[in-house]
Amino acid sequence: MVVSIPLIMLFAGFAWMILILSLWKDDKMIGFIAGTFLIVIGISSFIYGVGSLNDYLTRAFGYVHFGIGIIVCICSGLEQIQEWGD
């Protein structure tokens, strides 16, 4: 039995690794990029689903990633603007 990982799950893992890296390095621009990736993952899972599934579980996956991505983008963007102002 071959287990195939959908491409969206690989991108989600990559985005979460970038987010953890930005928290570890305390870099706001990397956090903004990770938030943007999470938003794109959320939108694409809304439209296409995860793998061959397209039900409420994949919509919840999309809502969670989209919401966290929006929060990360807004927070990291505001922090970067405040840092530039100082």
N, C-alpha and C. Protein backbone atom coordinates (compact mmCIF):
# COMPACT_ATOMS: atom_id res chain seq x y z
N MET A 1 0.84 -1.18 0.00
CA MET A 1 0.00 0.00 0.00
C MET A 1 0.88 1.25 0.00
N VAL A 2 0.67 2.10 -0.95
CA VAL A 2 1.46 3.31 -1.08
C VAL A 2 0.67 4.47 -0.47
N VAL A 3 1.32 5.18 0.42
CA VAL A 3 0.68 6.34 1.05
C VAL A 3 1.16 7.58 0.32
N SER A 4 0.25 8.32 -0.27
CA SER A 4 0.62 9.54 -0.97
C SER A 4 0.20 10.74 -0.13
N ILE A 5 1.11 11.67 0.01
CA ILE A 5 0.82 12.89 0.75
C ILE A 5 0.41 13.95 -0.27
N PRO A 6 -0.75 14.55 -0.08
CA PRO A 6 -1.16 15.60 -1.01
C PRO A 6 -0.18 16.78 -0.97
N LEU A 7 -0.07 17.41 -2.07
CA LEU A 7 0.86 18.53 -2.21
C LEU A 7 0.54 19.66 -1.25
N ILE A 8 -0.74 19.85 -0.96
CA ILE A 8 -1.12 20.94 -0.05
C ILE A 8 -0.62 20.68 1.36
N MET A 9 -0.54 19.41 1.76
CA MET A 9 -0.01 19.09 3.09
C MET A 9 1.50 19.37 3.16
N LEU A 10 2.21 19.13 2.08
CA LEU A 10 3.63 19.46 2.05
C LEU A 10 3.84 20.97 2.15
N PHE A 11 3.02 21.73 1.42
CA PHE A 11 3.11 23.19 1.50
C PHE A 11 2.75 23.69 2.89
N ALA A 12 1.75 23.06 3.51
CA ALA A 12 1.35 23.46 4.86
C ALA A 12 2.47 23.19 5.85
N GLY A 13 3.10 22.05 5.73
CA GLY A 13 4.24 21.75 6.60
C GLY A 13 5.38 22.73 6.40
N PHE A 14 5.63 23.08 5.14
CA PHE A 14 6.68 24.06 4.83
C PHE A 14 6.35 25.42 5.43
N ALA A 15 5.09 25.84 5.32
CA ALA A 15 4.68 27.14 5.88
C ALA A 15 4.80 27.15 7.40
N TRP A 16 4.42 26.05 8.04
CA TRP A 16 4.55 25.98 9.51
C TRP A 16 6.01 25.98 9.93
N MET A 17 6.89 25.33 9.14
CA MET A 17 8.33 25.36 9.47
C MET A 17 8.88 26.78 9.33
N ILE A 18 8.44 27.50 8.31
CA ILE A 18 8.88 28.89 8.14
C ILE A 18 8.37 29.75 9.29
N LEU A 19 7.14 29.50 9.73
CA LEU A 19 6.59 30.26 10.86
C LEU A 19 7.37 29.99 12.14
N ILE A 20 7.71 28.74 12.39
CA ILE A 20 8.52 28.41 13.57
C ILE A 20 9.90 29.03 13.46
N LEU A 21 10.48 29.04 12.26
CA LEU A 21 11.78 29.68 12.05
C LEU A 21 11.70 31.17 12.33
N SER A 22 10.63 31.81 11.92
CA SER A 22 10.50 33.26 12.16
C SER A 22 10.32 33.55 13.65
N LEU A 23 9.64 32.68 14.37
CA LEU A 23 9.51 32.88 15.82
C LEU A 23 10.84 32.63 16.52
N TRP A 24 11.60 31.66 16.04
CA TRP A 24 12.88 31.33 16.64
C TRP A 24 13.91 32.43 16.39
N LYS A 25 13.95 32.94 15.16
CA LYS A 25 14.90 33.99 14.79
C LYS A 25 14.40 35.39 15.13
N ASP A 26 13.12 35.53 15.49
CA ASP A 26 12.47 36.81 15.78
C ASP A 26 12.59 37.76 14.59
N ASP A 27 12.27 37.23 13.41
CA ASP A 27 12.32 38.01 12.17
C ASP A 27 10.89 38.22 11.66
N LYS A 28 10.52 39.48 11.54
CA LYS A 28 9.14 39.80 11.16
C LYS A 28 8.87 39.55 9.69
N MET A 29 9.85 39.75 8.85
CA MET A 29 9.64 39.56 7.41
C MET A 29 9.43 38.08 7.07
N ILE A 30 10.16 37.20 7.71
CA ILE A 30 9.95 35.77 7.50
C ILE A 30 8.57 35.38 8.00
N GLY A 31 8.13 35.98 9.11
CA GLY A 31 6.79 35.73 9.61
C GLY A 31 5.72 36.19 8.64
N PHE A 32 5.94 37.32 7.99
CA PHE A 32 4.99 37.81 6.98
C PHE A 32 4.91 36.85 5.81
N ILE A 33 6.05 36.33 5.37
CA ILE A 33 6.06 35.36 4.27
C ILE A 33 5.34 34.08 4.68
N ALA A 34 5.56 33.62 5.91
CA ALA A 34 4.87 32.42 6.39
C ALA A 34 3.36 32.65 6.46
N GLY A 35 2.95 33.83 6.91
CA GLY A 35 1.53 34.16 6.93
C GLY A 35 0.92 34.18 5.55
N THR A 36 1.66 34.69 4.59
CA THR A 36 1.17 34.71 3.21
C THR A 36 1.02 33.29 2.67
N PHE A 37 1.98 32.42 2.96
CA PHE A 37 1.86 31.02 2.56
C PHE A 37 0.64 30.36 3.20
N LEU A 38 0.40 30.65 4.48
CA LEU A 38 -0.76 30.06 5.16
C LEU A 38 -2.07 30.55 4.56
N ILE A 39 -2.11 31.82 4.16
CA ILE A 39 -3.32 32.34 3.50
C ILE A 39 -3.55 31.64 2.17
N VAL A 40 -2.50 31.46 1.39
CA VAL A 40 -2.63 30.79 0.10
C VAL A 40 -3.06 29.34 0.29
N ILE A 41 -2.52 28.67 1.30
CA ILE A 41 -2.90 27.28 1.59
C ILE A 41 -4.38 27.23 1.99
N GLY A 42 -4.81 28.17 2.82
CA GLY A 42 -6.21 28.20 3.22
C GLY A 42 -7.15 28.40 2.05
N ILE A 43 -6.82 29.35 1.18
CA ILE A 43 -7.68 29.61 0.02
C ILE A 43 -7.70 28.42 -0.94
N SER A 44 -6.54 27.82 -1.18
CA SER A 44 -6.52 26.69 -2.11
C SER A 44 -7.24 25.47 -1.53
N SER A 45 -7.21 25.30 -0.22
CA SER A 45 -7.96 24.18 0.35
C SER A 45 -9.46 24.47 0.36
N PHE A 46 -9.86 25.75 0.40
CA PHE A 46 -11.28 26.09 0.22
C PHE A 46 -11.74 25.63 -1.16
N ILE A 47 -10.94 25.94 -2.16
CA ILE A 47 -11.35 25.72 -3.55
C ILE A 47 -11.22 24.25 -3.95
N TYR A 48 -10.04 23.66 -3.71
CA TYR A 48 -9.76 22.33 -4.24
C TYR A 48 -9.92 21.20 -3.23
N GLY A 49 -9.92 21.51 -1.95
CA GLY A 49 -9.96 20.45 -0.95
C GLY A 49 -8.56 19.89 -0.71
N VAL A 50 -8.47 18.93 0.17
CA VAL A 50 -7.19 18.29 0.49
C VAL A 50 -7.21 16.90 -0.11
N GLY A 51 -6.36 16.68 -1.10
CA GLY A 51 -6.34 15.39 -1.77
C GLY A 51 -7.63 15.18 -2.55
N SER A 52 -8.24 14.03 -2.35
CA SER A 52 -9.50 13.75 -3.04
C SER A 52 -10.70 14.10 -2.17
N LEU A 53 -10.46 14.64 -0.98
CA LEU A 53 -11.54 14.99 -0.06
C LEU A 53 -11.96 16.44 -0.29
N ASN A 54 -13.23 16.68 -0.24
CA ASN A 54 -13.75 18.04 -0.34
C ASN A 54 -15.01 18.10 0.52
N ASP A 55 -14.83 18.16 1.82
CA ASP A 55 -15.96 18.17 2.73
C ASP A 55 -15.72 19.20 3.82
N TYR A 56 -16.48 19.08 4.90
CA TYR A 56 -16.39 20.07 5.97
C TYR A 56 -15.05 20.03 6.69
N LEU A 57 -14.42 18.87 6.75
CA LEU A 57 -13.11 18.78 7.40
C LEU A 57 -12.05 19.57 6.64
N THR A 58 -12.10 19.49 5.32
CA THR A 58 -11.12 20.26 4.55
C THR A 58 -11.44 21.75 4.60
N ARG A 59 -12.72 22.09 4.70
CA ARG A 59 -13.07 23.52 4.87
C ARG A 59 -12.57 24.03 6.21
N ALA A 60 -12.67 23.21 7.24
CA ALA A 60 -12.13 23.61 8.55
C ALA A 60 -10.62 23.77 8.47
N PHE A 61 -9.95 22.88 7.75
CA PHE A 61 -8.51 23.01 7.51
C PHE A 61 -8.20 24.34 6.83
N GLY A 62 -9.00 24.70 5.85
CA GLY A 62 -8.81 25.96 5.14
C GLY A 62 -9.08 27.17 6.03
N TYR A 63 -10.16 27.12 6.82
CA TYR A 63 -10.48 28.23 7.71
C TYR A 63 -9.37 28.44 8.74
N VAL A 64 -8.85 27.37 9.30
CA VAL A 64 -7.80 27.49 10.31
C VAL A 64 -6.54 28.10 9.71
N HIS A 65 -6.12 27.60 8.57
CA HIS A 65 -4.90 28.13 7.96
C HIS A 65 -5.09 29.56 7.47
N PHE A 66 -6.25 29.85 6.91
CA PHE A 66 -6.52 31.21 6.46
C PHE A 66 -6.54 32.18 7.64
N GLY A 67 -7.20 31.81 8.72
CA GLY A 67 -7.28 32.68 9.89
C GLY A 67 -5.95 32.91 10.55
N ILE A 68 -5.18 31.85 10.73
CA ILE A 68 -3.86 32.00 11.34
C ILE A 68 -2.95 32.81 10.43
N GLY A 69 -3.07 32.60 9.13
CA GLY A 69 -2.26 33.37 8.18
C GLY A 69 -2.58 34.86 8.23
N ILE A 70 -3.87 35.20 8.33
CA ILE A 70 -4.26 36.61 8.45
C ILE A 70 -3.70 37.21 9.72
N ILE A 71 -3.82 36.50 10.83
CA ILE A 71 -3.32 37.01 12.11
C ILE A 71 -1.81 37.21 12.06
N VAL A 72 -1.09 36.24 11.51
CA VAL A 72 0.37 36.34 11.43
C VAL A 72 0.79 37.48 10.52
N CYS A 73 0.12 37.64 9.37
CA CYS A 73 0.46 38.73 8.44
C CYS A 73 0.22 40.09 9.07
N ILE A 74 -0.91 40.26 9.72
CA ILE A 74 -1.22 41.56 10.32
C ILE A 74 -0.25 41.88 11.45
N CYS A 75 -0.03 40.91 12.33
CA CYS A 75 0.86 41.16 13.48
C CYS A 75 2.30 41.40 13.05
N SER A 76 2.80 40.60 12.13
CA SER A 76 4.19 40.80 11.72
C SER A 76 4.34 42.08 10.91
N GLY A 77 3.34 42.41 10.11
CA GLY A 77 3.40 43.67 9.36
C GLY A 77 3.39 44.88 10.26
N LEU A 78 2.51 44.87 11.26
CA LEU A 78 2.47 46.00 12.21
C LEU A 78 3.75 46.11 13.03
N GLU A 79 4.30 44.97 13.44
CA GLU A 79 5.56 44.99 14.18
C GLU A 79 6.69 45.54 13.32
N GLN A 80 6.72 45.17 12.05
CA GLN A 80 7.77 45.67 11.16
C GLN A 80 7.62 47.17 10.93
N ILE A 81 6.39 47.64 10.79
CA ILE A 81 6.16 49.08 10.60
C ILE A 81 6.59 49.86 11.84
N GLN A 82 6.29 49.32 13.02
CA GLN A 82 6.72 49.99 14.25
C GLN A 82 8.23 50.00 14.38
N GLU A 83 8.87 48.93 13.94
CA GLU A 83 10.33 48.87 14.00
C GLU A 83 10.95 49.87 13.03
N TRP A 84 10.36 50.05 11.86
CA TRP A 84 10.87 51.02 10.91
C TRP A 84 10.67 52.45 11.40
N GLY A 85 9.62 52.68 12.20
CA GLY A 85 9.33 54.02 12.68
C GLY A 85 10.28 54.47 13.79
N ASP A 86 10.89 53.51 14.47
CA ASP A 86 11.79 53.88 15.58
C ASP A 86 13.15 54.29 15.13
